[in-house]
Amino acid sequence: MDFNKIIKFKIGKEDWEMPLGILLLLGGITLAMIIAGLFMGFKFGENMQ
């Protein structure tokens, strides 16, 4: 897999270009933060009883 391949996409009116490796890294960080937030929210809610 070529992680240096440039991926082009559009958000709103802006055109973006980003290497595939960076895009996957940002997606991985996002998923990790979502999972950590869900876990911490569950633990916090568990202690409220």
Protein backbone atom coordinates (compact mmCIF):
# COMPACT_ATOMS: atom_id res chain seq x y z
CA MET A 1 0.00 0.00 0.00
CA ASP A 2 1.36 3.41 -0.96
CA PHE A 3 1.01 5.62 2.13
CA ASN A 4 2.43 8.61 0.24
CA LYS A 5 -0.39 8.59 -2.32
CA ILE A 6 -2.13 11.98 -2.29
CA ILE A 7 -5.85 11.80 -1.50
CA LYS A 8 -7.97 14.72 -2.71
CA PHE A 9 -11.29 15.55 -1.08
CA LYS A 10 -13.59 18.50 -0.57
CA ILE A 11 -14.98 19.87 2.69
CA GLY A 12 -17.48 22.62 2.03
CA LYS A 13 -15.98 24.83 -0.66
CA GLU A 14 -12.36 24.05 0.21
CA ASP A 15 -10.31 21.47 -1.70
CA TRP A 16 -7.95 19.41 0.47
CA GLU A 17 -4.98 17.21 -0.44
CA MET A 18 -3.45 14.91 2.14
CA PRO A 19 -1.17 11.84 2.04
CA LEU A 20 -2.97 8.56 2.74
CA GLY A 21 -0.74 7.81 5.75
CA ILE A 22 -1.65 11.08 7.47
CA LEU A 23 -5.34 10.55 6.73
CA LEU A 24 -5.21 7.07 8.29
CA LEU A 25 -3.29 8.43 11.28
CA LEU A 26 -5.92 11.12 11.90
CA GLY A 27 -8.69 8.52 11.57
CA GLY A 28 -6.94 6.22 14.06
CA ILE A 29 -6.45 9.02 16.59
CA THR A 30 -10.11 9.99 16.20
CA LEU A 31 -11.31 6.43 16.80
CA ALA A 32 -9.01 6.03 19.82
CA MET A 33 -10.37 9.24 21.37
CA ILE A 34 -13.98 8.14 20.74
CA ILE A 35 -13.36 4.76 22.37
CA ALA A 36 -11.55 6.38 25.34
CA GLY A 37 -14.42 8.84 25.78
CA LEU A 38 -16.99 6.06 25.72
CA PHE A 39 -15.02 4.06 28.27
CA MET A 40 -14.52 7.05 30.59
CA GLY A 41 -18.18 8.04 30.28
CA PHE A 42 -19.27 4.52 31.11
CA LYS A 43 -16.98 4.38 34.16
CA PHE A 44 -18.17 7.82 35.34
CA GLY A 45 -21.82 6.83 34.94
CA GLU A 46 -21.21 3.55 36.74
CA ASN A 47 -19.91 5.43 39.80
CA MET A 48 -22.97 7.74 39.95
CA GLN A 49 -25.31 5.02 41.24
